[in-house]
PDB file of N, CA and C in Angstrom:
ATOM      1  N   UNK A   1       0.323 -11.706  -8.219  1.00  0.00           N
ATOM      2  CA  UNK A   1       1.020 -12.403  -9.343  1.00  0.00           C
ATOM      3  C   UNK A   1      -0.175 -12.412 -10.379  1.00  0.00           C
ATOM      4  N   UNK A   2       0.399 -12.470 -11.781  1.00  0.00           N
ATOM      5  CA  UNK A   2      -0.576 -12.674 -12.850  1.00  0.00           C
ATOM      6  C   UNK A   2      -0.065 -14.028 -13.568  1.00  0.00           C
ATOM      7  N   UNK A   3      -1.232 -14.739 -14.118  1.00  0.00           N
ATOM      8  CA  UNK A   3      -0.931 -15.895 -14.946  1.00  0.00           C
ATOM      9  C   UNK A   3      -0.852 -15.585 -16.313  1.00  0.00           C
ATOM     10  N   UNK A   4       0.242 -16.204 -16.885  1.00  0.00           N
ATOM     11  CA  UNK A   4       0.515 -16.083 -18.448  1.00  0.00           C
ATOM     12  C   UNK A   4       0.703 -17.464 -18.894  1.00  0.00           C
ATOM     13  N   UNK A   5       0.614 -17.495 -20.225  1.00  0.00           N
ATOM     14  CA  UNK A   5       0.697 -18.669 -21.008  1.00  0.00           C
ATOM     15  C   UNK A   5       2.026 -18.747 -21.895  1.00  0.00           C
ATOM     16  N   UNK A   6       2.717 -19.819 -21.791  1.00  0.00           N
ATOM     17  CA  UNK A   6       3.728 -19.824 -22.814  1.00  0.00           C
ATOM     18  C   UNK A   6       3.260 -20.410 -24.077  1.00  0.00           C
ATOM     19  N   UNK A   7       4.118 -20.488 -25.190  1.00  0.00           N
ATOM     20  CA  UNK A   7       3.632 -20.659 -26.488  1.00  0.00           C
ATOM     21  C   UNK A   7       3.190 -22.137 -26.621  1.00  0.00           C
ATOM     22  N   UNK A   8       3.726 -23.131 -25.693  1.00  0.00           N
ATOM     23  CA  UNK A   8       3.474 -24.482 -25.589  1.00  0.00           C
ATOM     24  C   UNK A   8       2.179 -24.820 -25.140  1.00  0.00           C
ATOM     25  N   UNK A   9       1.515 -23.799 -24.365  1.00  0.00           N
ATOM     26  CA  UNK A   9       0.428 -23.926 -23.528  1.00  0.00           C
ATOM     27  C   UNK A   9       0.497 -23.980 -22.135  1.00  0.00           C
ATOM     28  N   UNK A  10       1.582 -24.006 -21.554  1.00  0.00           N
ATOM     29  CA  UNK A  10       2.010 -24.221 -20.053  1.00  0.00           C
ATOM     30  C   UNK A  10       1.685 -22.865 -19.475  1.00  0.00           C
ATOM     31  N   UNK A  11       1.031 -22.913 -18.243  1.00  0.00           N
ATOM     32  CA  UNK A  11       0.972 -21.572 -17.590  1.00  0.00           C
ATOM     33  C   UNK A  11       1.912 -21.315 -16.568  1.00  0.00           C
ATOM     34  N   UNK A  12       2.251 -20.225 -16.162  1.00  0.00           N
ATOM     35  CA  UNK A  12       3.179 -19.813 -15.112  1.00  0.00           C
ATOM     36  C   UNK A  12       2.767 -18.419 -14.534  1.00  0.00           C
ATOM     37  N   UNK A  13       3.017 -18.247 -13.180  1.00  0.00           N
ATOM     38  CA  UNK A  13       2.732 -16.970 -12.676  1.00  0.00           C
ATOM     39  C   UNK A  13       3.940 -15.943 -12.529  1.00  0.00           C
ATOM     40  N   UNK A  14       3.674 -14.875 -12.875  1.00  0.00           N
ATOM     41  CA  UNK A  14       4.738 -13.688 -12.850  1.00  0.00           C
ATOM     42  C   UNK A  14       4.269 -12.478 -12.028  1.00  0.00           C
ATOM     43  N   UNK A  15       5.527 -12.118 -11.233  1.00  0.00           N
ATOM     44  CA  UNK A  15       5.238 -10.949 -10.355  1.00  0.00           C
ATOM     45  C   UNK A  15       5.462  -9.732 -11.311  1.00  0.00           C
ATOM     46  N   UNK A  16       4.399  -9.002 -11.629  1.00  0.00           N
ATOM     47  CA  UNK A  16       4.448  -7.973 -12.697  1.00  0.00           C
ATOM     48  C   UNK A  16       5.422  -6.723 -12.172  1.00  0.00           C
ATOM     49  N   UNK A  17       5.781  -6.856 -10.923  1.00  0.00           N
ATOM     50  CA  UNK A  17       6.610  -5.712 -10.364  1.00  0.00           C
ATOM     51  C   UNK A  17       8.018  -5.836 -11.066  1.00  0.00           C
ATOM     52  N   UNK A  18       8.352  -7.177 -11.459  1.00  0.00           N
ATOM     53  CA  UNK A  18       9.563  -7.655 -12.243  1.00  0.00           C
ATOM     54  C   UNK A  18       9.795  -7.164 -13.829  1.00  0.00           C
ATOM     55  N   UNK A  19       8.589  -6.896 -14.243  1.00  0.00           N
ATOM     56  CA  UNK A  19       8.464  -6.457 -15.632  1.00  0.00           C
ATOM     57  C   UNK A  19       9.352  -5.401 -16.031  1.00  0.00           C
ATOM     58  N   UNK A  20      10.309  -5.512 -16.945  1.00  0.00           N
ATOM     59  CA  UNK A  20      11.088  -4.234 -17.461  1.00  0.00           C
ATOM     60  C   UNK A  20      10.643  -3.618 -18.612  1.00  0.00           C
ATOM     61  N   UNK A  21      10.181  -4.613 -19.539  1.00  0.00           N
ATOM     62  CA  UNK A  21       9.644  -4.215 -20.820  1.00  0.00           C
ATOM     63  C   UNK A  21       8.751  -5.265 -21.477  1.00  0.00           C
ATOM     64  N   UNK A  22       7.696  -5.020 -22.174  1.00  0.00           N
ATOM     65  CA  UNK A  22       6.989  -5.925 -22.937  1.00  0.00           C
ATOM     66  C   UNK A  22       6.933  -5.416 -24.359  1.00  0.00           C
ATOM     67  N   UNK A  23       6.879  -6.471 -25.302  1.00  0.00           N
ATOM     68  CA  UNK A  23       6.748  -5.974 -26.766  1.00  0.00           C
ATOM     69  C   UNK A  23       6.157  -7.048 -27.507  1.00  0.00           C
ATOM     70  N   UNK A  24       5.402  -6.590 -28.499  1.00  0.00           N
ATOM     71  CA  UNK A  24       4.792  -7.675 -29.291  1.00  0.00           C
ATOM     72  C   UNK A  24       5.615  -7.473 -31.058  1.00  0.00           C
ATOM     73  N   UNK A  25       6.341  -8.843 -31.326  1.00  0.00           N
ATOM     74  CA  UNK A  25       7.103  -8.819 -32.433  1.00  0.00           C
ATOM     75  C   UNK A  25       6.957  -9.954 -33.172  1.00  0.00           C
ATOM     76  N   UNK A  26       5.901 -10.563 -33.635  1.00  0.00           N
ATOM     77  CA  UNK A  26       4.452 -10.342 -33.335  1.00  0.00           C
ATOM     78  C   UNK A  26       4.162 -10.941 -32.140  1.00  0.00           C
ATOM     79  N   UNK A  27       5.000 -11.933 -31.625  1.00  0.00           N
ATOM     80  CA  UNK A  27       4.557 -12.644 -30.515  1.00  0.00           C
ATOM     81  C   UNK A  27       4.941 -11.650 -29.182  1.00  0.00           C
ATOM     82  N   UNK A  28       4.044 -11.764 -28.231  1.00  0.00           N
ATOM     83  CA  UNK A  28       4.636 -10.947 -26.940  1.00  0.00           C
ATOM     84  C   UNK A  28       5.671 -11.533 -26.115  1.00  0.00           C
ATOM     85  N   UNK A  29       6.529 -10.542 -26.171  1.00  0.00           N
ATOM     86  CA  UNK A  29       7.903 -10.972 -25.363  1.00  0.00           C
ATOM     87  C   UNK A  29       8.006  -9.995 -24.065  1.00  0.00           C
ATOM     88  N   UNK A  30       7.976 -10.783 -22.996  1.00  0.00           N
ATOM     89  CA  UNK A  30       8.082 -10.202 -21.694  1.00  0.00           C
ATOM     90  C   UNK A  30       9.566 -10.185 -21.098  1.00  0.00           C
ATOM     91  N   UNK A  31      10.127  -8.957 -21.036  1.00  0.00           N
ATOM     92  CA  UNK A  31      11.463  -8.970 -20.402  1.00  0.00           C
ATOM     93  C   UNK A  31      11.441  -8.391 -19.118  1.00  0.00           C
ATOM     94  N   UNK A  32      12.225  -9.244 -18.248  1.00  0.00           N
ATOM     95  CA  UNK A  32      12.243  -8.913 -16.844  1.00  0.00           C
ATOM     96  C   UNK A  32      13.308  -8.100 -16.328  1.00  0.00           C
ATOM     97  N   UNK A  33      13.316  -7.661 -15.216  1.00  0.00           N
ATOM     98  CA  UNK A  33      14.590  -6.698 -14.686  1.00  0.00           C
ATOM     99  C   UNK A  33      15.694  -7.419 -14.594  1.00  0.00           C
ATOM    100  N   UNK A  34      15.877  -8.744 -14.660  1.00  0.00           N
ATOM    101  CA  UNK A  34      17.002  -9.339 -14.501  1.00  0.00           C
ATOM    102  C   UNK A  34      17.381  -9.825 -15.997  1.00  0.00           C
ATOM    103  N   UNK A  35      16.716  -9.521 -16.852  1.00  0.00           N
ATOM    104  CA  UNK A  35      16.966  -9.875 -18.368  1.00  0.00           C
ATOM    105  C   UNK A  35      16.551 -11.179 -18.949  1.00  0.00           C
ATOM    106  N   UNK A  36      15.771 -12.078 -18.071  1.00  0.00           N
ATOM    107  CA  UNK A  36      15.178 -13.117 -18.522  1.00  0.00           C
ATOM    108  C   UNK A  36      14.172 -12.723 -19.476  1.00  0.00           C
ATOM    109  N   UNK A  37      13.722 -13.477 -20.431  1.00  0.00           N
ATOM    110  CA  UNK A  37      12.554 -13.034 -21.450  1.00  0.00           C
ATOM    111  C   UNK A  37      11.523 -14.344 -21.504  1.00  0.00           C
ATOM    112  N   UNK A  38      10.336 -14.086 -21.552  1.00  0.00           N
ATOM    113  CA  UNK A  38       9.430 -14.929 -21.726  1.00  0.00           C
ATOM    114  C   UNK A  38       8.450 -14.630 -22.907  1.00  0.00           C
ATOM    115  N   UNK A  39       8.171 -15.609 -23.992  1.00  0.00           N
ATOM    116  CA  UNK A  39       7.203 -15.413 -24.888  1.00  0.00           C
ATOM    117  C   UNK A  39       5.915 -16.099 -24.589  1.00  0.00           C
ATOM    118  N   UNK A  40       4.982 -15.161 -24.642  1.00  0.00           N
ATOM    119  CA  UNK A  40       3.691 -15.637 -24.135  1.00  0.00           C
ATOM    120  C   UNK A  40       2.648 -15.362 -25.060  1.00  0.00           C
ATOM    121  N   UNK A  41       1.314 -16.047 -24.826  1.00  0.00           N
ATOM    122  CA  UNK A  41       0.468 -16.137 -25.987  1.00  0.00           C
ATOM    123  C   UNK A  41      -0.481 -14.943 -25.609  1.00  0.00           C
ATOM    124  N   UNK A  42      -0.463 -14.330 -24.654  1.00  0.00           N
ATOM    125  CA  UNK A  42      -1.448 -13.062 -24.598  1.00  0.00           C
ATOM    126  C   UNK A  42      -0.802 -12.139 -25.465  1.00  0.00           C
ATOM    127  N   UNK A  43      -1.915 -11.068 -25.807  1.00  0.00           N
ATOM    128  CA  UNK A  43      -1.494  -9.826 -26.609  1.00  0.00           C
ATOM    129  C   UNK A  43      -0.912  -8.886 -25.586  1.00  0.00           C
ATOM    130  N   UNK A  44      -0.288  -7.969 -26.155  1.00  0.00           N
ATOM    131  CA  UNK A  44       0.341  -6.834 -25.394  1.00  0.00           C
ATOM    132  C   UNK A  44      -0.734  -6.189 -24.472  1.00  0.00           C
ATOM    133  N   UNK A  45      -1.805  -5.883 -25.162  1.00  0.00           N
ATOM    134  CA  UNK A  45      -3.000  -5.145 -24.540  1.00  0.00           C
ATOM    135  C   UNK A  45      -3.566  -6.057 -23.322  1.00  0.00           C
ATOM    136  N   UNK A  46      -3.555  -7.409 -23.508  1.00  0.00           N
ATOM    137  CA  UNK A  46      -4.133  -8.373 -22.465  1.00  0.00           C
ATOM    138  C   UNK A  46      -3.152  -8.326 -21.372  1.00  0.00           C
ATOM    139  N   UNK A  47      -1.879  -8.196 -21.643  1.00  0.00           N
ATOM    140  CA  UNK A  47      -0.823  -8.357 -20.619  1.00  0.00           C
ATOM    141  C   UNK A  47      -0.966  -7.120 -19.770  1.00  0.00           C
ATOM    142  N   UNK A  48      -0.901  -5.830 -20.483  1.00  0.00           N
ATOM    143  CA  UNK A  48      -1.230  -4.612 -19.757  1.00  0.00           C
ATOM    144  C   UNK A  48      -2.713  -4.705 -18.901  1.00  0.00           C
ATOM    145  N   UNK A  49      -3.640  -5.280 -19.354  1.00  0.00           N
ATOM    146  CA  UNK A  49      -5.013  -5.236 -18.581  1.00  0.00           C
ATOM    147  C   UNK A  49      -4.649  -6.148 -17.495  1.00  0.00           C
ATOM    148  N   UNK A  50      -4.088  -6.990 -17.451  1.00  0.00           N
ATOM    149  CA  UNK A  50      -3.613  -8.046 -16.154  1.00  0.00           C
ATOM    150  C   UNK A  50      -2.795  -7.294 -15.275  1.00  0.00           C
ATOM    151  N   UNK A  51      -1.939  -6.575 -15.788  1.00  0.00           N
ATOM    152  CA  UNK A  51      -1.088  -5.924 -14.803  1.00  0.00           C
ATOM    153  C   UNK A  51      -1.814  -4.911 -14.042  1.00  0.00           C
ATOM    154  N   UNK A  52      -2.711  -4.020 -14.753  1.00  0.00           N
ATOM    155  CA  UNK A  52      -3.455  -3.098 -14.181  1.00  0.00           C
ATOM    156  C   UNK A  52      -4.553  -3.717 -13.176  1.00  0.00           C
ATOM    157  N   UNK A  53      -5.079  -4.715 -13.556  1.00  0.00           N
ATOM    158  CA  UNK A  53      -5.964  -5.507 -12.586  1.00  0.00           C
ATOM    159  C   UNK A  53      -5.135  -6.033 -11.426  1.00  0.00           C
ATOM    160  N   UNK A  54      -4.244  -6.333 -11.495  1.00  0.00           N
ATOM    161  CA  UNK A  54      -3.319  -6.904 -10.348  1.00  0.00           C
ATOM    162  C   UNK A  54      -3.068  -5.693  -9.540  1.00  0.00           C
ATOM    163  N   UNK A  55      -2.508  -4.658 -10.088  1.00  0.00           N
ATOM    164  CA  UNK A  55      -2.259  -3.432  -9.195  1.00  0.00           C
ATOM    165  C   UNK A  55      -3.595  -2.840  -8.493  1.00  0.00           C
ATOM    166  N   UNK A  56      -4.722  -2.870  -9.223  1.00  0.00           N
ATOM    167  CA  UNK A  56      -5.963  -2.458  -8.686  1.00  0.00           C
ATOM    168  C   UNK A  56      -6.231  -3.300  -7.449  1.00  0.00           C
ATOM    169  N   UNK A  57      -6.059  -4.766  -7.712  1.00  0.00           N
ATOM    170  CA  UNK A  57      -6.430  -5.528  -6.394  1.00  0.00           C
ATOM    171  C   UNK A  57      -5.392  -5.388  -5.364  1.00  0.00           C
ATOM    172  N   UNK A  58      -4.300  -4.891  -5.642  1.00  0.00           N
ATOM    173  CA  UNK A  58      -3.213  -4.654  -4.439  1.00  0.00           C
ATOM    174  C   UNK A  58      -3.805  -3.341  -3.728  1.00  0.00           C
ATOM    175  N   UNK A  59      -4.141  -2.385  -4.558  1.00  0.00           N
ATOM    176  CA  UNK A  59      -4.566  -1.063  -3.858  1.00  0.00           C
ATOM    177  C   UNK A  59      -5.900  -1.367  -3.065  1.00  0.00           C
ATOM    178  N   UNK A  60      -6.944  -2.008  -3.589  1.00  0.00           N
ATOM    179  CA  UNK A  60      -8.040  -2.398  -3.085  1.00  0.00           C
ATOM    180  C   UNK A  60      -7.989  -3.279  -1.907  1.00  0.00           C
ATOM    181  N   UNK A  61      -7.023  -4.213  -1.674  1.00  0.00           N
ATOM    182  CA  UNK A  61      -6.558  -4.713  -0.663  1.00  0.00           C
ATOM    183  C   UNK A  61      -5.913  -3.982   0.657  1.00  0.00           C
ATOM    184  N   UNK A  62      -5.148  -3.154   0.176  1.00  0.00           N
ATOM    185  CA  UNK A  62      -4.507  -2.341   1.052  1.00  0.00           C
ATOM    186  C   UNK A  62      -5.418  -1.273   1.670  1.00  0.00           C
ATOM    187  N   UNK A  63      -6.407  -0.859   0.796  1.00  0.00           N
ATOM    188  CA  UNK A  63      -7.527   0.002   1.491  1.00  0.00           C
ATOM    189  C   UNK A  63      -8.234  -0.774   2.412  1.00  0.00           C
ATOM    190  N   UNK A  64      -8.651  -1.790   2.208  1.00  0.00           N
ATOM    191  CA  UNK A  64      -9.553  -2.712   2.799  1.00  0.00           C
ATOM    192  C   UNK A  64      -8.777  -3.005   4.406  1.00  0.00           C
ATOM    193  N   UNK A  65      -7.491  -3.347   4.360  1.00  0.00           N
ATOM    194  CA  UNK A  65      -6.778  -3.790   5.642  1.00  0.00           C
ATOM    195  C   UNK A  65      -6.674  -2.378   6.448  1.00  0.00           C
ATOM    196  N   UNK A  66      -6.354  -1.255   5.706  1.00  0.00           N
ATOM    197  CA  UNK A  66      -6.316   0.026   6.381  1.00  0.00           C
ATOM    198  C   UNK A  66      -7.574   0.315   7.015  1.00  0.00           C
ATOM    199  N   UNK A  67      -8.738   0.120   6.414  1.00  0.00           N
ATOM    200  CA  UNK A  67      -9.950   0.554   7.008  1.00  0.00           C
ATOM    201  C   UNK A  67     -10.331  -0.489   8.146  1.00  0.00           C
ATOM    202  N   UNK A  68      -9.806  -1.659   8.095  1.00  0.00           N
ATOM    203  CA  UNK A  68      -9.983  -2.743   9.245  1.00  0.00           C
ATOM    204  C   UNK A  68      -9.297  -2.243  10.394  1.00  0.00           C
ATOM    205  N   UNK A  69      -7.855  -1.981  10.170  1.00  0.00           N
ATOM    206  CA  UNK A  69      -7.032  -1.383  11.250  1.00  0.00           C
ATOM    207  C   UNK A  69      -7.649  -0.195  11.948  1.00  0.00           C
ATOM    208  N   UNK A  70      -8.137   0.918  11.114  1.00  0.00           N
ATOM    209  CA  UNK A  70      -8.861   2.055  11.670  1.00  0.00           C
ATOM    210  C   UNK A  70     -10.066   1.692  12.571  1.00  0.00           C
ATOM    211  N   UNK A  71     -10.799   0.676  11.964  1.00  0.00           N
ATOM    212  CA  UNK A  71     -12.014   0.384  12.887  1.00  0.00           C
ATOM    213  C   UNK A  71     -11.610  -0.412  14.148  1.00  0.00           C
ATOM    214  N   UNK A  72     -10.609  -1.146  14.108  1.00  0.00           N
ATOM    215  CA  UNK A  72     -10.021  -1.980  15.259  1.00  0.00           C
ATOM    216  C   UNK A  72      -9.643  -0.641  16.364  1.00  0.00           C
ATOM    217  N   UNK A  73      -8.828   0.018  15.732  1.00  0.00           N
ATOM    218  CA  UNK A  73      -8.325   1.150  16.773  1.00  0.00           C
ATOM    219  C   UNK A  73      -9.419   1.874  17.256  1.00  0.00           C
ATOM    220  N   UNK A  74     -10.347   2.332  16.497  1.00  0.00           N
ATOM    221  CA  UNK A  74     -11.439   3.118  17.017  1.00  0.00           C
ATOM    222  C   UNK A  74     -12.435   2.221  17.980  1.00  0.00           C
ATOM    223  N   UNK A  75     -12.424   0.878  17.693  1.00  0.00           N
ATOM    224  CA  UNK A  75     -13.223   0.087  18.847  1.00  0.00           C
ATOM    225  C   UNK A  75     -12.479  -0.320  20.012  1.00  0.00           C
ATOM    226  N   UNK A  76     -11.078  -0.216  20.013  1.00  0.00           N
ATOM    227  CA  UNK A  76     -10.256  -0.555  21.129  1.00  0.00           C
ATOM    228  C   UNK A  76     -10.560   0.344  22.205  1.00  0.00           C
ATOM    229  N   UNK A  77     -10.410   0.108  23.617  1.00  0.00           N
ATOM    230  CA  UNK A  77     -10.356   0.990  24.647  1.00  0.00           C
ATOM    231  C   UNK A  77      -9.124   2.052  24.565  1.00  0.00           C
ATOM    232  N   UNK A  78      -9.298   3.014  24.918  1.00  0.00           N
ATOM    233  CA  UNK A  78      -7.871   3.996  25.124  1.00  0.00           C
ATOM    234  C   UNK A  78      -6.927   3.311  26.094  1.00  0.00           C
ATOM    235  N   UNK A  79      -5.725   3.802  25.754  1.00  0.00           N
ATOM    236  CA  UNK A  79      -4.536   3.235  26.478  1.00  0.00           C
ATOM    237  C   UNK A  79      -4.717   4.059  27.687  1.00  0.00           C
ATOM    238  N   UNK A  80      -3.959   3.464  29.009  1.00  0.00           N
ATOM    239  CA  UNK A  80      -4.036   4.176  30.227  1.00  0.00           C
ATOM    240  C   UNK A  80      -3.639   5.659  30.136  1.00  0.00           C
ATOM    241  N   UNK A  81      -2.548   6.117  29.297  1.00  0.00           N
ATOM    242  CA  UNK A  81      -2.206   7.258  29.139  1.00  0.00           C
ATOM    243  C   UNK A  81      -3.146   8.137  28.557  1.00  0.00           C
ATOM    244  N   UNK A  82      -3.774   7.568  27.427  1.00  0.00           N
ATOM    245  CA  UNK A  82      -4.724   8.429  26.754  1.00  0.00           C
ATOM    246  C   UNK A  82      -6.174   8.589  27.772  1.00  0.00           C
ATOM    247  N   UNK A  83      -6.440   7.709  28.700  1.00  0.00           N
ATOM    248  CA  UNK A  83      -7.572   7.993  29.740  1.00  0.00           C
ATOM    249  C   UNK A  83      -7.204   8.928  30.700  1.00  0.00           C
ATOM    250  N   UNK A  84      -5.902   8.949  31.201  1.00  0.00           N
ATOM    251  CA  UNK A  84      -5.565   9.957  31.967  1.00  0.00           C
ATOM    252  C   UNK A  84      -5.543  11.331  31.377  1.00  0.00           C
ATOM    253  N   UNK A  85      -5.129  11.583  30.269  1.00  0.00           N
ATOM    254  CA  UNK A  85      -5.215  12.902  29.369  1.00  0.00           C
ATOM    255  C   UNK A  85      -6.641  13.246  29.143  1.00  0.00           C
ATOM    256  N   UNK A  86      -7.642  12.273  28.935  1.00  0.00           N
ATOM    257  CA  UNK A  86      -9.061  12.660  28.812  1.00  0.00           C
ATOM    258  C   UNK A  86      -9.386  12.856  30.099  1.00  0.00           C
ATOM    259  N   UNK A  87      -9.136  12.345  31.161  1.00  0.00           N
ATOM    260  CA  UNK A  87      -9.843  12.725  32.444  1.00  0.00           C
ATOM    261  C   UNK A  87      -9.351  14.044  33.042  1.00  0.00           C
ATOM    262  N   UNK A  88      -8.252  14.631  32.487  1.00  0.00           N
ATOM    263  CA  UNK A  88      -7.945  16.032  33.006  1.00  0.00           C
ATOM    264  C   UNK A  88      -8.664  17.068  32.206  1.00  0.00           C
ATOM    265  N   UNK A  89      -9.433  16.734  31.130  1.00  0.00           N
ATOM    266  CA  UNK A  89     -10.206  17.524  30.453  1.00  0.00           C
ATOM    267  C   UNK A  89     -11.666  17.520  30.833  1.00  0.00           C
ATOM    268  N   UNK A  90     -12.166  16.747  31.752  1.00  0.00           N
ATOM    269  CA  UNK A  90     -13.484  16.596  32.175  1.00  0.00           C
ATOM    270  C   UNK A  90     -13.856  17.858  32.926  1.00  0.00           C
ATOM    271  N   UNK A  91     -15.251  18.091  32.878  1.00  0.00           N
ATOM    272  CA  UNK A  91     -15.459  19.365  33.460  1.00  0.00           C
ATOM    273  C   UNK A  91     -15.352  19.506  34.904  1.00  0.00           C
ATOM    274  N   UNK A  92     -15.527  18.316  35.499  1.00  0.00           N
ATOM    275  CA  UNK A  92     -15.309  18.196  36.990  1.00  0.00           C
ATOM    276  C   UNK A  92     -13.739  18.344  37.548  1.00  0.00           C
ATOM    277  N   UNK A  93     -13.036  18.063  36.759  1.00  0.00           N
ATOM    278  CA  UNK A  93     -11.534  18.100  37.054  1.00  0.00           C
ATOM    279  C   UNK A  93     -11.092  19.817  36.899  1.00  0.00           C
ATOM    280  N   UNK A  94     -11.783  20.307  35.903  1.00  0.00           N
ATOM    281  CA  UNK A  94     -11.685  21.880  35.774  1.00  0.00           C
ATOM    282  C   UNK A  94     -12.124  22.397  36.743  1.00  0.00           C
ATOM    283  N   UNK A  95     -13.195  22.207  37.416  1.00  0.00           N
ATOM    284  CA  UNK A  95     -13.972  22.834  38.494  1.00  0.00           C
ATOM    285  C   UNK A  95     -13.021  22.665  39.683  1.00  0.00           C
ATOM    286  N   UNK A  96     -12.591  21.526  40.003  1.00  0.00           N
ATOM    287  CA  UNK A  96     -11.677  21.441  41.129  1.00  0.00           C
ATOM    288  C   UNK A  96     -10.352  22.090  41.106  1.00  0.00           C
ATOM    289  N   UNK A  97      -9.902  22.263  39.893  1.00  0.00           N
ATOM    290  CA  UNK A  97      -8.539  23.082  39.778  1.00  0.00           C
ATOM    291  C   UNK A  97      -8.948  24.312  40.122  1.00  0.00           C
ATOM    292  N   UNK A  98      -9.914  25.053  39.722  1.00  0.00           N
ATOM    293  CA  UNK A  98     -10.443  26.202  39.986  1.00  0.00           C
ATOM    294  C   UNK A  98     -10.636  26.474  41.435  1.00  0.00           C
ATOM    295  N   UNK A  99     -11.214  25.542  42.024  1.00  0.00           N
ATOM    296  CA  UNK A  99     -11.513  25.641  43.450  1.00  0.00           C
ATOM    297  C   UNK A  99     -10.123  25.838  44.194  1.00  0.00           C
ATOM    298  N   UNK A 100      -9.348  25.172  43.944  1.00  0.00           N
ATOM    299  CA  UNK A 100      -7.837  25.162  44.529  1.00  0.00           C
ATOM    300  C   UNK A 100      -7.167  26.525  44.362  1.00  0.00           C
ATOM    301  N   UNK A 101      -7.342  27.125  43.323  1.00  0.00           N
ATOM    302  CA  UNK A 101      -6.766  28.331  43.138  1.00  0.00           C
ATOM    303  C   UNK A 101      -7.434  29.506  43.936  1.00  0.00           C
ATOM    304  N   UNK A 102      -8.716  29.464  44.247  1.00  0.00           N
ATOM    305  CA  UNK A 102      -9.313  30.400  44.823  1.00  0.00           C
ATOM    306  C   UNK A 102      -9.192  30.462  46.248  1.00  0.00           C
TER     307      UNK A 102
END
C-alpha cells in the first residue's frame, strides 16, 4: 500500500495495483480500475516514485522469503524416501550388489 494525501490534507492508503491511470491537470488525479477517482496533493512524479518503491519492497520481501525457504529446506533432514535413494548410491551398497552378481 502507498500513502497519499487528499487536497484537504487527510491521508489514505491505496493499493497501487488498482491504479488504472494518473494524470496532472494541474492537480494529480488518480483513476482506479473501477473508475473511482482521487485528487491528491502529490505530484505525478512523486506518485510514480511511491509506486516504484512499493513494488521494489514487494520484490525484496519475496526474495527474502524465498531465501529463507531455501535455507530451511537445505537445513531440514532429508525425507525417508530421499534417504533411501541416497543409501543406494553409497559405495558399500554398490560393492554388495557386485558381490551378489559374481
